[in-house]
Amino acid sequence: MINYINVIIMIASMLWYTIFYIISVGPARMEKKKGDKSYKICSRIRKISFVGMCVFLLAEIIYLFYPLNIGLSTRLFSGISGWIISIAIGLVISIAATILMRAAVAVANDSITTRKENGMYGGIYQKIRHPQAIGDVSYWIALAFFFNSPFLILINLLWIPLNYIIAKYEEKDLKLRFGQNYVDYMKTTGMFIPKRK
């Protein structure tokens, strides 16, 4: 029974994160009603969204002890050598994600807070528009490998469409904020995969 409740909590916390994060990426839209304070409001809402992410992480840890019995293997790889392989894969993915995230945060400087004074980005953002979304998804996949769990890999794949939805909402707001400059940027820069020049 705990295992089913835990999976429901996982899905609910993913939705919590997604809904509040979508609201947090709309400061330009909110500014029409709330004025300059919209950026502070969106920063607070983004912090609220991270509650969902923390709950999801705890639910994944609990899943190690209370997995679902749905015909999937409990472990991706069996035995000690299987754990070593799974952890090694997770380590490679998380190192790549960390490199990507560091490059993104160094330029964007607004993972948690939104600021009106932030302009359009350079650096890695000249190659892809949403490197932080790729990093987020990669961390969740890496964690599933650390836990050696096929079910967690499957459920963490749900972060892909959720991050896509978030990115689409964010881009609506960025077009409102930066106008034609952002539209032109979208034409030359891939959303998640670099465009060929």
Protein backbone atom coordinates (compact mmCIF):
# COMPACT_ATOMS: atom_id res chain seq x y z
CA MET A 1 0.00 0.00 0.00
CA ILE A 2 2.84 2.42 0.88
CA ASN A 3 4.39 1.79 -2.54
CA TYR A 4 1.26 2.92 -4.40
CA ILE A 5 0.77 5.98 -2.19
CA ASN A 6 4.42 6.87 -2.75
CA VAL A 7 4.07 6.72 -6.56
CA ILE A 8 0.95 8.91 -6.34
CA ILE A 9 2.99 11.38 -4.28
CA MET A 10 5.73 11.28 -6.94
CA ILE A 11 3.31 12.18 -9.70
CA ALA A 12 1.56 14.83 -7.60
CA SER A 13 4.88 16.45 -6.69
CA MET A 14 5.93 16.50 -10.36
CA LEU A 15 2.70 18.31 -11.17
CA TRP A 16 3.19 20.68 -8.21
CA TYR A 17 6.65 21.60 -9.48
CA THR A 18 5.47 22.03 -13.07
CA ILE A 19 2.43 24.19 -12.28
CA PHE A 20 4.26 26.54 -9.93
CA TYR A 21 7.31 26.71 -12.18
CA ILE A 22 5.10 27.64 -15.15
CA ILE A 23 3.64 30.50 -13.09
CA SER A 24 7.16 31.58 -12.09
CA VAL A 25 8.33 31.97 -15.70
CA GLY A 26 5.68 34.60 -16.45
CA PRO A 27 6.95 37.84 -14.87
CA ALA A 28 6.49 39.97 -18.01
CA ARG A 29 2.88 38.81 -18.33
CA MET A 30 2.30 39.34 -14.60
CA GLU A 31 3.93 42.79 -14.77
CA LYS A 32 0.91 44.13 -16.65
CA LYS A 33 -1.22 43.54 -13.54
CA LYS A 34 1.25 43.72 -10.65
CA GLY A 35 3.93 46.13 -11.93
CA ASP A 36 7.62 45.79 -11.07
CA LYS A 37 6.94 43.58 -8.06
CA SER A 38 5.99 40.76 -10.45
CA TYR A 39 9.64 39.66 -10.61
CA LYS A 40 9.83 39.26 -6.83
CA ILE A 41 6.50 37.42 -6.82
CA CYS A 42 7.74 35.06 -9.55
CA SER A 43 10.94 34.41 -7.57
CA ARG A 44 8.86 33.43 -4.52
CA ILE A 45 6.64 31.18 -6.63
CA ARG A 46 9.72 29.51 -8.11
CA LYS A 47 10.92 28.69 -4.59
CA ILE A 48 7.49 27.18 -3.89
CA SER A 49 7.87 25.04 -7.01
CA PHE A 50 11.07 23.57 -5.59
CA VAL A 51 9.04 22.11 -2.71
CA GLY A 52 7.55 19.74 -5.30
CA MET A 53 11.01 18.79 -6.48
CA CYS A 54 12.17 18.04 -2.92
CA VAL A 55 9.09 15.91 -2.23
CA PHE A 56 9.72 14.05 -5.48
CA LEU A 57 13.31 13.35 -4.43
CA LEU A 58 12.16 11.99 -1.06
CA ALA A 59 9.57 9.82 -2.80
CA GLU A 60 12.28 8.39 -5.07
CA ILE A 61 14.37 7.50 -2.01
CA ILE A 62 11.34 5.87 -0.37
CA TYR A 63 10.75 3.93 -3.60
CA LEU A 64 14.05 2.10 -3.02
CA PHE A 65 12.51 0.52 0.07
CA TYR A 66 8.93 0.20 -1.22
CA PRO A 67 9.05 -0.58 -4.96
CA LEU A 68 5.97 -1.39 -6.99
CA ASN A 69 5.37 -5.01 -7.86
CA ILE A 70 4.22 -4.48 -11.45
CA GLY A 71 6.26 -7.02 -13.37
CA LEU A 72 9.28 -4.78 -13.82
CA SER A 73 12.58 -5.96 -12.47
CA THR A 74 13.38 -4.28 -9.16
CA ARG A 75 16.93 -3.56 -10.36
CA LEU A 76 18.23 -2.47 -13.72
CA PHE A 77 21.43 -4.49 -13.30
CA SER A 78 21.77 -7.36 -10.83
CA GLY A 79 24.51 -8.15 -8.36
CA ILE A 80 27.37 -6.02 -7.07
CA SER A 81 28.79 -5.57 -10.57
CA GLY A 82 25.34 -4.41 -11.71
CA TRP A 83 25.27 -1.74 -9.02
CA ILE A 84 28.75 -0.61 -10.04
CA ILE A 85 27.70 -0.36 -13.71
CA SER A 86 24.51 1.50 -12.83
CA ILE A 87 26.29 3.96 -10.53
CA ALA A 88 29.01 4.51 -13.16
CA ILE A 89 26.37 5.37 -15.78
CA GLY A 90 24.68 7.73 -13.32
CA LEU A 91 28.03 9.36 -12.56
CA VAL A 92 28.81 9.98 -16.25
CA ILE A 93 25.34 11.49 -16.82
CA SER A 94 25.56 13.68 -13.70
CA ILE A 95 29.04 14.96 -14.60
CA ALA A 96 27.82 15.95 -18.07
CA ALA A 97 24.73 17.58 -16.52
CA THR A 98 26.88 19.49 -14.03
CA ILE A 99 29.12 20.85 -16.77
CA LEU A 100 26.06 21.97 -18.72
CA MET A 101 24.36 23.50 -15.66
CA ARG A 102 27.48 25.38 -14.58
CA ALA A 103 27.81 26.87 -18.05
CA ALA A 104 24.13 27.88 -18.02
CA VAL A 105 23.99 29.32 -14.50
CA ALA A 106 27.24 31.25 -15.04
CA VAL A 107 25.52 33.17 -17.84
CA ALA A 108 21.84 33.22 -16.85
CA ASN A 109 22.29 33.89 -13.14
CA ASP A 110 18.58 33.31 -12.46
CA SER A 111 17.87 29.67 -11.73
CA ILE A 112 15.96 30.55 -8.58
CA THR A 113 15.27 34.27 -8.84
CA THR A 114 13.90 36.19 -11.78
CA ARG A 115 15.24 39.68 -12.40
CA LYS A 116 13.96 42.29 -14.78
CA GLU A 117 17.48 43.56 -15.45
CA ASN A 118 18.60 40.20 -16.87
CA GLY A 119 19.03 40.54 -20.59
CA MET A 120 19.19 37.93 -23.29
CA TYR A 121 22.00 35.52 -22.74
CA GLY A 122 25.33 34.72 -24.34
CA GLY A 123 27.59 31.76 -23.66
CA ILE A 124 25.92 28.38 -23.93
CA TYR A 125 22.62 30.14 -24.64
CA GLN A 126 24.01 30.99 -28.08
CA LYS A 127 23.93 27.24 -28.83
CA ILE A 128 20.70 26.12 -27.09
CA ARG A 129 17.86 28.08 -25.54
CA HIS A 130 17.14 25.80 -22.55
CA PRO A 131 20.35 24.20 -21.24
CA GLN A 132 19.04 24.21 -17.66
CA ALA A 133 16.05 22.08 -18.67
CA ILE A 134 18.41 19.54 -20.24
CA GLY A 135 20.50 19.58 -17.06
CA ASP A 136 17.44 19.07 -14.84
CA VAL A 137 16.19 16.07 -16.83
CA SER A 138 19.71 14.61 -16.95
CA TYR A 139 20.06 14.81 -13.16
CA TRP A 140 16.80 12.89 -12.67
CA ILE A 141 17.89 10.18 -15.12
CA ALA A 142 21.29 9.99 -13.40
CA LEU A 143 19.58 9.59 -10.04
CA ALA A 144 17.53 6.67 -11.35
CA PHE A 145 20.78 5.00 -12.44
CA PHE A 146 22.32 5.70 -9.02
CA PHE A 147 19.32 3.89 -7.55
CA ASN A 148 19.64 1.11 -10.18
CA SER A 149 15.88 1.26 -10.79
CA PRO A 150 14.15 0.69 -14.15
CA PHE A 151 10.88 2.09 -12.78
CA LEU A 152 12.56 5.32 -11.68
CA ILE A 153 14.12 5.68 -15.13
CA LEU A 154 10.65 5.37 -16.66
CA ILE A 155 9.00 7.82 -14.26
CA ASN A 156 11.90 10.27 -14.59
CA LEU A 157 11.39 10.28 -18.35
CA LEU A 158 8.17 12.18 -17.57
CA TRP A 159 10.41 15.17 -16.77
CA ILE A 160 11.09 15.48 -20.53
CA PRO A 161 7.56 16.54 -21.59
CA LEU A 162 7.08 18.52 -18.38
CA ASN A 163 10.26 20.53 -19.02
CA TYR A 164 9.19 21.01 -22.63
CA ILE A 165 5.86 22.48 -21.45
CA ILE A 166 7.67 24.76 -18.98
CA ALA A 167 10.04 25.92 -21.74
CA LYS A 168 7.13 26.74 -24.06
CA TYR A 169 5.47 28.88 -21.37
CA GLU A 170 8.78 30.57 -20.57
CA GLU A 171 9.29 31.42 -24.23
CA LYS A 172 5.87 33.07 -24.45
CA ASP A 173 6.95 35.37 -21.64
CA LEU A 174 10.40 35.98 -23.12
CA LYS A 175 8.81 37.00 -26.44
CA LEU A 176 6.62 39.44 -24.52
CA ARG A 177 9.66 40.75 -22.64
CA PHE A 178 12.23 40.99 -25.46
CA GLY A 179 9.96 41.21 -28.50
CA GLN A 180 11.38 40.64 -31.97
CA ASN A 181 14.92 40.13 -30.57
CA TYR A 182 13.76 36.93 -28.89
CA VAL A 183 11.82 35.78 -31.96
CA ASP A 184 14.99 36.23 -34.05
CA TYR A 185 17.01 34.40 -31.40
CA MET A 186 14.56 31.46 -31.58
CA LYS A 187 15.09 31.25 -35.34
CA THR A 188 18.86 30.86 -35.02
CA THR A 189 19.16 28.89 -31.77
CA GLY A 190 17.80 25.40 -31.10
CA MET A 191 15.48 24.82 -28.17
CA PHE A 192 17.35 21.78 -26.81
CA ILE A 193 19.64 20.77 -29.68
CA PRO A 194 21.99 23.20 -31.43
CA LYS A 195 20.90 24.22 -34.90
CA ARG A 196 23.26 23.77 -37.80
CA LYS A 197 24.49 27.15 -38.94
